[in-house]
Structures are given as structure tokens and as C-alpha cells.
Amino acid sequence: MRSVWDSLKVVLTRLCDEQPEVLFGYPDPRVDEDRRPPFCVRLAPWAVRTAEELHARFGSDVRLSVGLLPYPQRETAELIVPTFEDTSHSDDLGVELDGPLSIRSGHTGRHGLRVTNRAGASVTVRTNGKLTAVVVDPGTDRAVGGFAGAQRQPLVRFPILGGATRVIPLLVGTASFDPALGYAISPGRVGPSRRRRAGGGASAADACAAVHRHRVATAPASPPSRGSRRSPGVWPRRSS
């Protein structure tokens, strides 16, 4: 009798070959040792149809998530959702998107964030090679979505001299944190704003893009450096 794993690895191999962008996390179909259900499979935020097919075929033998939420019951019990506060009163840094931004619902956009250092001293923005955005509800400042994939964690610094402007890579995901919104944030217009993570201590200037009725703000993770002391700046989020 064919095992669940024997059937699942055939499906995973086909998806890897034909639709690799669907899979965010899955057991390696080339390895057969110690394979017992349930198996965890993470899918892209837009891959609801694939989730339906896998669930219909494998049921509880495969634990599915679509974007950042479980499938078929959407819930947020395991999510750590950041909160944000307004930093528009800070004049040390100016931020704006590096041109128009368009992202398909459930997909990820790669863009640039123009950071202007208005202070006299230099600022160093610490990142993992890019800033990662989260989607923020402008009415409540509640984070409702963001990037659902994994990222490498190298330390990449972006020094900005006083009075200078530098473009920093920006990663914008549209996976939903909120079950009421579905698995992906709806697309829409783009515009700038500035937020910082609540309780972060120092202020941070963050990019923001309007997505439908939401904004996308870069989430701070660690403060930028100015000399040897902490100072206002862009705090990049290093997503796992």
C-alpha cells in the first residue's frame, strides 16, 4: 500500500519543477528517511487553490499554511504582530519610495527606499541587505500583513552622510496577518508615511506605501548607529 509520503513527495516534486514559487516551505521530497505524517507545507499567500487541492487529497496528514496563516482555518495564535507609532515629528531623516510601486495581491515587491539624512552627523542604517516592510492599517496603526518568506541574515550597513540621500533596497510583502482580510492584502495605491515600532525606545523613520486601505511601513528591528551612540534612524526588520 502506498504511504502518504510516497504520494506527497510526487506532488511536491511536481510543484518544485512546475511552480516553485508556490512553495515557501516543505519536506525535501528526495529524502525518505523518518517520514511520518503530519507533514508541514507552507505556500505562497496567493496559492489558495493549491492549498485546496492538497487539503482535499491529504486532509490532516498535511498541515498547510498559506502565507502567514494556517489553512483551512485562518488563525493568528502563533503570529507575533508588531505595533507602530507615528514618527512624523522627527526631522532627522526623510524617507520616500524610490518611484512608483506596484505589487500584485499575495506577491512580493522589491523596490527602493530613499533615505535622506537631514542631520549634520552621519547615520548608518543596519540591515540584512534590505529593509523589510509590513502592511499597516492607517486607522489603527495595527500591522495587518507583510513578507511571509525566509531571509538570510547577514549584517549589511548603509552609511549616509549628513545632508546626503541614499537608496536602500526595500522588500514589500502582501501576506495577511489578519484572518478577516483573507490570506493576502488587496492591492491599491502607493504613498509615503513614517512609523516606528511601539516601545522601541528611539524613533525610526520608515517607508510607507498605501495598499488598498492600508499602508506599508518598514519594521524596526535594531537601531541605526551614529558614532557610538543610539540615534533616530531607520530600523530594519530582519525577518526569519
C-alpha atoms as a PDB file:
ATOM      1  CA  MET A   1       0.000   0.000   0.000  1.00  0.00           C
ATOM      2  CA  ARG A   2       1.343   3.433  -0.929  1.00  0.00           C
ATOM      3  CA  SER A   3       2.121   5.670   2.065  1.00  0.00           C
ATOM      4  CA  VAL A   4       1.097   9.295   2.483  1.00  0.00           C
ATOM      5  CA  TRP A   5       4.713  10.312   1.971  1.00  0.00           C
ATOM      6  CA  ASP A   6       5.012   8.315  -1.266  1.00  0.00           C
ATOM      7  CA  SER A   7       2.064  10.266  -2.674  1.00  0.00           C
ATOM      8  CA  LEU A   8       3.030  13.636  -1.220  1.00  0.00           C
ATOM      9  CA  LYS A   9       6.614  13.589  -2.480  1.00  0.00           C
ATOM     10  CA  VAL A  10       5.344  13.078  -6.030  1.00  0.00           C
ATOM     11  CA  VAL A  11       3.171  16.181  -5.663  1.00  0.00           C
ATOM     12  CA  LEU A  12       5.998  18.199  -4.106  1.00  0.00           C
ATOM     13  CA  THR A  13       8.413  17.182  -6.849  1.00  0.00           C
ATOM     14  CA  ARG A  14       5.916  18.272  -9.494  1.00  0.00           C
ATOM     15  CA  LEU A  15       5.376  21.625  -7.772  1.00  0.00           C
ATOM     16  CA  CYS A  16       9.138  22.153  -7.462  1.00  0.00           C
ATOM     17  CA  ASP A  17       9.532  21.543 -11.176  1.00  0.00           C
ATOM     18  CA  GLU A  18       6.450  23.374 -12.467  1.00  0.00           C
ATOM     19  CA  GLN A  19       5.551  26.022  -9.852  1.00  0.00           C
ATOM     20  CA  PRO A  20       8.483  26.517  -7.457  1.00  0.00           C
ATOM     21  CA  GLU A  21       7.206  29.969  -6.466  1.00  0.00           C
ATOM     22  CA  VAL A  22       4.171  28.306  -4.808  1.00  0.00           C
ATOM     23  CA  LEU A  23       6.277  26.578  -2.144  1.00  0.00           C
ATOM     24  CA  PHE A  24       7.621  28.576   0.802  1.00  0.00           C
ATOM     25  CA  GLY A  25       8.495  25.574   2.978  1.00  0.00           C
ATOM     26  CA  TYR A  26       8.186  21.806   2.604  1.00  0.00           C
ATOM     27  CA  PRO A  27       9.908  18.487   3.420  1.00  0.00           C
ATOM     28  CA  ASP A  28      12.586  17.550   0.897  1.00  0.00           C
ATOM     29  CA  PRO A  29      10.981  15.030  -1.496  1.00  0.00           C
ATOM     30  CA  ARG A  30      14.416  13.485  -2.152  1.00  0.00           C
ATOM     31  CA  VAL A  31      14.704  12.234   1.437  1.00  0.00           C
ATOM     32  CA  ASP A  32      12.622   9.216   2.515  1.00  0.00           C
ATOM     33  CA  GLU A  33      14.040   8.538   5.981  1.00  0.00           C
ATOM     34  CA  ASP A  34      11.800   9.176   9.003  1.00  0.00           C
ATOM     35  CA  ARG A  35       8.864  10.462   7.003  1.00  0.00           C
ATOM     36  CA  ARG A  36       5.662  10.233   9.039  1.00  0.00           C
ATOM     37  CA  PRO A  37       2.566  12.436   8.893  1.00  0.00           C
ATOM     38  CA  PRO A  38       1.552  15.093   9.547  1.00  0.00           C
ATOM     39  CA  PHE A  39       3.822  16.945   7.105  1.00  0.00           C
ATOM     40  CA  CYS A  40       4.138  20.740   7.161  1.00  0.00           C
ATOM     41  CA  VAL A  41       3.840  22.580   3.850  1.00  0.00           C
ATOM     42  CA  ARG A  42       3.972  26.394   3.573  1.00  0.00           C
ATOM     43  CA  LEU A  43       2.535  28.013   0.469  1.00  0.00           C
ATOM     44  CA  ALA A  44       2.658  31.488  -1.040  1.00  0.00           C
ATOM     45  CA  PRO A  45      -0.106  33.896   0.073  1.00  0.00           C
ATOM     46  CA  TRP A  46      -1.764  33.729  -3.346  1.00  0.00           C
ATOM     47  CA  ALA A  47      -1.730  29.913  -3.597  1.00  0.00           C
ATOM     48  CA  VAL A  48      -5.156  29.212  -2.073  1.00  0.00           C
ATOM     49  CA  ARG A  49      -6.173  26.922  -4.945  1.00  0.00           C
ATOM     50  CA  THR A  50      -3.099  24.754  -4.410  1.00  0.00           C
ATOM     51  CA  ALA A  51      -3.936  24.596  -0.701  1.00  0.00           C
ATOM     52  CA  GLU A  52      -7.477  23.492  -1.530  1.00  0.00           C
ATOM     53  CA  GLU A  53      -6.160  20.679  -3.712  1.00  0.00           C
ATOM     54  CA  LEU A  54      -3.631  19.472  -1.142  1.00  0.00           C
ATOM     55  CA  HIS A  55      -6.171  19.598   1.675  1.00  0.00           C
ATOM     56  CA  ALA A  56      -8.769  17.715  -0.367  1.00  0.00           C
ATOM     57  CA  ARG A  57      -6.261  14.974  -1.156  1.00  0.00           C
ATOM     58  CA  PHE A  58      -4.287  14.640   2.085  1.00  0.00           C
ATOM     59  CA  GLY A  59      -6.539  16.091   4.779  1.00  0.00           C
ATOM     60  CA  SER A  60      -4.976  16.258   8.251  1.00  0.00           C
ATOM     61  CA  ASP A  61      -1.906  14.332   7.085  1.00  0.00           C
ATOM     62  CA  VAL A  62      -0.554  17.630   5.727  1.00  0.00           C
ATOM     63  CA  ARG A  63      -0.518  20.757   7.876  1.00  0.00           C
ATOM     64  CA  LEU A  64      -0.893  23.654   5.495  1.00  0.00           C
ATOM     65  CA  SER A  65      -0.254  27.364   5.800  1.00  0.00           C
ATOM     66  CA  VAL A  66      -0.934  29.952   3.124  1.00  0.00           C
ATOM     67  CA  GLY A  67       1.285  32.972   3.553  1.00  0.00           C
ATOM     68  CA  LEU A  68       1.355  33.613   7.288  1.00  0.00           C
ATOM     69  CA  LEU A  69      -1.928  31.910   8.238  1.00  0.00           C
ATOM     70  CA  PRO A  70      -2.934  28.251   8.680  1.00  0.00           C
ATOM     71  CA  TYR A  71      -5.207  26.571   6.166  1.00  0.00           C
ATOM     72  CA  PRO A  72      -8.133  25.869   6.079  1.00  0.00           C
ATOM     73  CA  GLN A  73      -8.928  27.588   9.415  1.00  0.00           C
ATOM     74  CA  ARG A  74      -7.296  31.021   9.484  1.00  0.00           C
ATOM     75  CA  GLU A  75      -5.989  31.981  12.900  1.00  0.00           C
ATOM     76  CA  THR A  76      -3.213  34.151  14.317  1.00  0.00           C
ATOM     77  CA  ALA A  77      -2.288  32.403  17.580  1.00  0.00           C
ATOM     78  CA  GLU A  78       1.345  31.808  16.558  1.00  0.00           C
ATOM     79  CA  LEU A  79       1.967  35.200  14.933  1.00  0.00           C
ATOM     80  CA  ILE A  80       3.933  37.960  16.665  1.00  0.00           C
ATOM     81  CA  VAL A  81       2.438  41.101  15.155  1.00  0.00           C
ATOM     82  CA  PRO A  82       4.409  44.352  15.596  1.00  0.00           C
ATOM     83  CA  THR A  83       2.769  47.635  16.538  1.00  0.00           C
ATOM     84  CA  PHE A  84       3.790  51.088  15.310  1.00  0.00           C
ATOM     85  CA  GLU A  85       3.767  54.698  16.381  1.00  0.00           C
ATOM     86  CA  ASP A  86       3.914  57.912  14.356  1.00  0.00           C
ATOM     87  CA  THR A  87       7.370  59.469  13.912  1.00  0.00           C
ATOM     88  CA  SER A  88       6.385  62.259  11.545  1.00  0.00           C
ATOM     89  CA  HIS A  89       7.553  64.769  14.186  1.00  0.00           C
ATOM     90  CA  SER A  90      11.175  63.663  13.689  1.00  0.00           C
ATOM     91  CA  ASP A  91      13.180  65.866  11.305  1.00  0.00           C
ATOM     92  CA  ASP A  92      16.467  63.939  11.329  1.00  0.00           C
ATOM     93  CA  LEU A  93      15.601  61.622   8.454  1.00  0.00           C
ATOM     94  CA  GLY A  94      13.406  61.953   5.401  1.00  0.00           C
ATOM     95  CA  VAL A  95      12.070  58.886   3.621  1.00  0.00           C
ATOM     96  CA  GLU A  96      10.220  58.290   0.370  1.00  0.00           C
ATOM     97  CA  LEU A  97       9.710  55.477  -2.077  1.00  0.00           C
ATOM     98  CA  ASP A  98      12.153  55.480  -4.986  1.00  0.00           C
ATOM     99  CA  GLY A  99       9.467  55.872  -7.627  1.00  0.00           C
ATOM    100  CA  PRO A 100       6.016  54.289  -8.117  1.00  0.00           C
ATOM    101  CA  LEU A 101       5.420  50.874  -6.548  1.00  0.00           C
ATOM    102  CA  SER A 102       3.035  48.223  -7.867  1.00  0.00           C
ATOM    103  CA  ILE A 103       2.548  44.797  -6.220  1.00  0.00           C
ATOM    104  CA  ARG A 104       0.131  42.002  -7.103  1.00  0.00           C
ATOM    105  CA  SER A 105      -2.012  40.837  -4.203  1.00  0.00           C
ATOM    106  CA  GLY A 106      -0.297  37.992  -2.351  1.00  0.00           C
ATOM    107  CA  HIS A 107       3.006  38.595  -4.120  1.00  0.00           C
ATOM    108  CA  THR A 108       6.233  40.337  -3.077  1.00  0.00           C
ATOM    109  CA  GLY A 109       7.610  43.572  -4.450  1.00  0.00           C
ATOM    110  CA  ARG A 110      11.264  44.648  -4.488  1.00  0.00           C
ATOM    111  CA  HIS A 111      11.740  48.368  -4.545  1.00  0.00           C
ATOM    112  CA  GLY A 112      13.925  51.128  -3.110  1.00  0.00           C
ATOM    113  CA  LEU A 113      13.593  53.478  -0.160  1.00  0.00           C
ATOM    114  CA  ARG A 114      15.190  56.916  -0.472  1.00  0.00           C
ATOM    115  CA  VAL A 115      16.555  57.901   2.940  1.00  0.00           C
ATOM    116  CA  THR A 116      17.723  61.490   3.404  1.00  0.00           C
ATOM    117  CA  ASN A 117      19.888  62.358   6.403  1.00  0.00           C
ATOM    118  CA  ARG A 118      18.927  65.890   7.376  1.00  0.00           C
ATOM    119  CA  ALA A 119      21.181  65.944  10.437  1.00  0.00           C
ATOM    120  CA  GLY A 120      24.774  67.147  10.448  1.00  0.00           C
ATOM    121  CA  ALA A 121      26.269  63.851  11.627  1.00  0.00           C
ATOM    122  CA  SER A 122      26.367  60.675   9.543  1.00  0.00           C
ATOM    123  CA  VAL A 123      23.914  57.840  10.117  1.00  0.00           C
ATOM    124  CA  THR A 124      24.453  54.136   9.467  1.00  0.00           C
ATOM    125  CA  VAL A 125      21.393  52.031   8.667  1.00  0.00           C
ATOM    126  CA  ARG A 126      21.891  48.397   9.687  1.00  0.00           C
ATOM    127  CA  THR A 127      20.059  45.835   7.561  1.00  0.00           C
ATOM    128  CA  ASN A 128      20.294  42.286   6.247  1.00  0.00           C
ATOM    129  CA  GLY A 129      20.843  43.760   2.789  1.00  0.00           C
ATOM    130  CA  LYS A 130      17.372  45.259   2.555  1.00  0.00           C
ATOM    131  CA  LEU A 131      14.602  46.797   4.631  1.00  0.00           C
ATOM    132  CA  THR A 132      11.507  44.630   5.031  1.00  0.00           C
ATOM    133  CA  ALA A 133       8.095  46.297   5.095  1.00  0.00           C
ATOM    134  CA  VAL A 134       4.903  45.441   6.933  1.00  0.00           C
ATOM    135  CA  VAL A 135       1.375  46.485   5.970  1.00  0.00           C
ATOM    136  CA  VAL A 136      -0.138  48.887   8.499  1.00  0.00           C
ATOM    137  CA  ASP A 137      -3.795  49.875   8.868  1.00  0.00           C
ATOM    138  CA  PRO A 138      -3.690  53.721   8.800  1.00  0.00           C
ATOM    139  CA  GLY A 139      -6.744  53.994  11.015  1.00  0.00           C
ATOM    140  CA  THR A 140      -5.425  51.913  13.896  1.00  0.00           C
ATOM    141  CA  ASP A 141      -1.638  51.708  13.224  1.00  0.00           C
ATOM    142  CA  ARG A 142      -2.050  47.951  13.541  1.00  0.00           C
ATOM    143  CA  ALA A 143       0.188  45.714  11.417  1.00  0.00           C
ATOM    144  CA  VAL A 144      -2.045  43.584   9.180  1.00  0.00           C
ATOM    145  CA  GLY A 145       0.384  41.999   6.717  1.00  0.00           C
ATOM    146  CA  GLY A 146       3.886  41.675   5.360  1.00  0.00           C
ATOM    147  CA  PHE A 147       6.506  39.363   3.928  1.00  0.00           C
ATOM    148  CA  ALA A 148       5.900  35.635   4.500  1.00  0.00           C
ATOM    149  CA  GLY A 149       9.127  34.085   3.213  1.00  0.00           C
ATOM    150  CA  ALA A 150      12.512  33.367   4.774  1.00  0.00           C
ATOM    151  CA  GLN A 151      15.521  35.677   4.573  1.00  0.00           C
ATOM    152  CA  ARG A 152      19.249  35.371   5.073  1.00  0.00           C
ATOM    153  CA  GLN A 153      20.639  37.351   7.992  1.00  0.00           C
ATOM    154  CA  PRO A 154      23.954  38.992   7.002  1.00  0.00           C
ATOM    155  CA  LEU A 155      24.741  42.382   8.521  1.00  0.00           C
ATOM    156  CA  VAL A 156      24.821  44.961   5.720  1.00  0.00           C
ATOM    157  CA  ARG A 157      25.409  48.596   6.635  1.00  0.00           C
ATOM    158  CA  PHE A 158      24.287  51.629   4.649  1.00  0.00           C
ATOM    159  CA  PRO A 159      26.151  54.756   5.864  1.00  0.00           C
ATOM    160  CA  ILE A 160      24.522  58.075   4.984  1.00  0.00           C
ATOM    161  CA  LEU A 161      26.490  61.311   5.360  1.00  0.00           C
ATOM    162  CA  GLY A 162      24.850  64.410   6.777  1.00  0.00           C
ATOM    163  CA  GLY A 163      22.792  66.112   4.092  1.00  0.00           C
ATOM    164  CA  ALA A 164      23.033  63.112   1.759  1.00  0.00           C
ATOM    165  CA  THR A 165      20.378  60.772   0.321  1.00  0.00           C
ATOM    166  CA  ARG A 166      20.817  57.065  -0.248  1.00  0.00           C
ATOM    167  CA  VAL A 167      18.527  54.452  -1.787  1.00  0.00           C
ATOM    168  CA  ILE A 168      18.215  51.279   0.314  1.00  0.00           C
ATOM    169  CA  PRO A 169      16.632  48.090  -1.099  1.00  0.00           C
ATOM    170  CA  LEU A 170      13.079  47.567   0.179  1.00  0.00           C
ATOM    171  CA  LEU A 171      11.177  44.270   0.318  1.00  0.00           C
ATOM    172  CA  VAL A 172       7.380  44.590   0.433  1.00  0.00           C
ATOM    173  CA  GLY A 173       5.233  41.513   1.042  1.00  0.00           C
ATOM    174  CA  THR A 174       1.439  41.381   0.997  1.00  0.00           C
ATOM    175  CA  ALA A 175       0.688  38.280   3.073  1.00  0.00           C
ATOM    176  CA  SER A 176      -2.069  38.948   5.601  1.00  0.00           C
ATOM    177  CA  PHE A 177      -1.634  38.832   9.389  1.00  0.00           C
ATOM    178  CA  ASP A 178      -5.388  39.277   9.838  1.00  0.00           C
ATOM    179  CA  PRO A 179      -7.765  36.349   9.188  1.00  0.00           C
ATOM    180  CA  ALA A 180     -10.565  38.822   8.427  1.00  0.00           C
ATOM    181  CA  LEU A 181      -8.604  40.069   5.408  1.00  0.00           C
ATOM    182  CA  GLY A 182      -8.010  36.624   3.952  1.00  0.00           C
ATOM    183  CA  TYR A 183      -4.590  35.243   3.120  1.00  0.00           C
ATOM    184  CA  ALA A 184      -3.369  38.299   1.169  1.00  0.00           C
ATOM    185  CA  ILE A 185      -3.766  42.082   1.348  1.00  0.00           C
ATOM    186  CA  SER A 186      -5.708  43.604  -1.532  1.00  0.00           C
ATOM    187  CA  PRO A 187      -3.670  45.756  -3.961  1.00  0.00           C
ATOM    188  CA  GLY A 188      -4.096  49.502  -4.410  1.00  0.00           C
ATOM    189  CA  ARG A 189      -2.361  52.871  -4.482  1.00  0.00           C
ATOM    190  CA  VAL A 190       1.065  53.636  -3.075  1.00  0.00           C
ATOM    191  CA  GLY A 191       2.142  56.609  -0.951  1.00  0.00           C
ATOM    192  CA  PRO A 192       4.714  57.585   1.710  1.00  0.00           C
ATOM    193  CA  SER A 193       4.450  57.760   5.518  1.00  0.00           C
ATOM    194  CA  ARG A 194       6.652  57.272   8.573  1.00  0.00           C
ATOM    195  CA  ARG A 195       6.199  54.894  11.517  1.00  0.00           C
ATOM    196  CA  ARG A 196       8.302  53.257  14.217  1.00  0.00           C
ATOM    197  CA  ARG A 197       7.751  50.113  16.238  1.00  0.00           C
ATOM    198  CA  ALA A 198       5.968  50.917  19.501  1.00  0.00           C
ATOM    199  CA  GLY A 199       8.117  50.601  22.581  1.00  0.00           C
ATOM    200  CA  GLY A 200      11.298  50.659  20.536  1.00  0.00           C
ATOM    201  CA  GLY A 201      12.898  53.472  22.528  1.00  0.00           C
ATOM    202  CA  ALA A 202      14.488  55.671  19.863  1.00  0.00           C
ATOM    203  CA  SER A 203      12.429  56.928  16.972  1.00  0.00           C
ATOM    204  CA  ALA A 204      12.735  55.480  13.493  1.00  0.00           C
ATOM    205  CA  ALA A 205      11.742  56.884  10.109  1.00  0.00           C
ATOM    206  CA  ASP A 206      10.114  54.221   7.976  1.00  0.00           C
ATOM    207  CA  ALA A 207       8.864  53.885   4.422  1.00  0.00           C
ATOM    208  CA  CYS A 208       5.161  53.522   3.942  1.00  0.00           C
ATOM    209  CA  ALA A 209       3.060  52.581   0.906  1.00  0.00           C
ATOM    210  CA  ALA A 210      -0.731  52.602   0.768  1.00  0.00           C
ATOM    211  CA  VAL A 211      -2.050  49.176  -0.213  1.00  0.00           C
ATOM    212  CA  HIS A 212      -5.803  49.378  -0.704  1.00  0.00           C
ATOM    213  CA  ARG A 213      -6.808  50.962   2.643  1.00  0.00           C
ATOM    214  CA  HIS A 214      -3.568  50.072   4.323  1.00  0.00           C
ATOM    215  CA  ARG A 215      -0.013  51.389   4.496  1.00  0.00           C
ATOM    216  CA  VAL A 216       3.243  49.505   4.222  1.00  0.00           C
ATOM    217  CA  ALA A 217       5.847  50.516   6.813  1.00  0.00           C
ATOM    218  CA  THR A 218       9.362  49.176   7.314  1.00  0.00           C
ATOM    219  CA  ALA A 219       9.511  47.480  10.689  1.00  0.00           C
ATOM    220  CA  PRO A 220      12.418  48.336  13.002  1.00  0.00           C
ATOM    221  CA  ALA A 221      14.491  45.526  14.475  1.00  0.00           C
ATOM    222  CA  SER A 222      17.713  47.173  15.660  1.00  0.00           C
ATOM    223  CA  PRO A 223      18.645  50.865  15.873  1.00  0.00           C
ATOM    224  CA  PRO A 224      20.979  52.524  13.377  1.00  0.00           C
ATOM    225  CA  SER A 225      24.302  53.814  14.622  1.00  0.00           C
ATOM    226  CA  ARG A 226      25.589  57.365  14.611  1.00  0.00           C
ATOM    227  CA  GLY A 227      29.090  57.282  16.032  1.00  0.00           C
ATOM    228  CA  SER A 228      28.990  55.289  19.263  1.00  0.00           C
ATOM    229  CA  ARG A 229      25.522  56.269  20.482  1.00  0.00           C
ATOM    230  CA  ARG A 230      21.998  55.300  19.518  1.00  0.00           C
ATOM    231  CA  SER A 231      20.107  57.792  17.450  1.00  0.00           C
ATOM    232  CA  PRO A 232      16.979  58.208  15.341  1.00  0.00           C
ATOM    233  CA  GLY A 233      17.057  56.442  12.007  1.00  0.00           C
ATOM    234  CA  VAL A 234      15.641  53.569  10.010  1.00  0.00           C
ATOM    235  CA  TRP A 235      15.402  50.333  11.969  1.00  0.00           C
ATOM    236  CA  PRO A 236      15.314  47.402   9.520  1.00  0.00           C
ATOM    237  CA  ARG A 237      13.288  44.348  10.315  1.00  0.00           C
ATOM    238  CA  ARG A 238      15.232  41.104   9.897  1.00  0.00           C
ATOM    239  CA  SER A 239      12.609  38.528   9.077  1.00  0.00           C
ATOM    240  CA  SER A 240      13.088  34.856   9.690  1.00  0.00           C
END
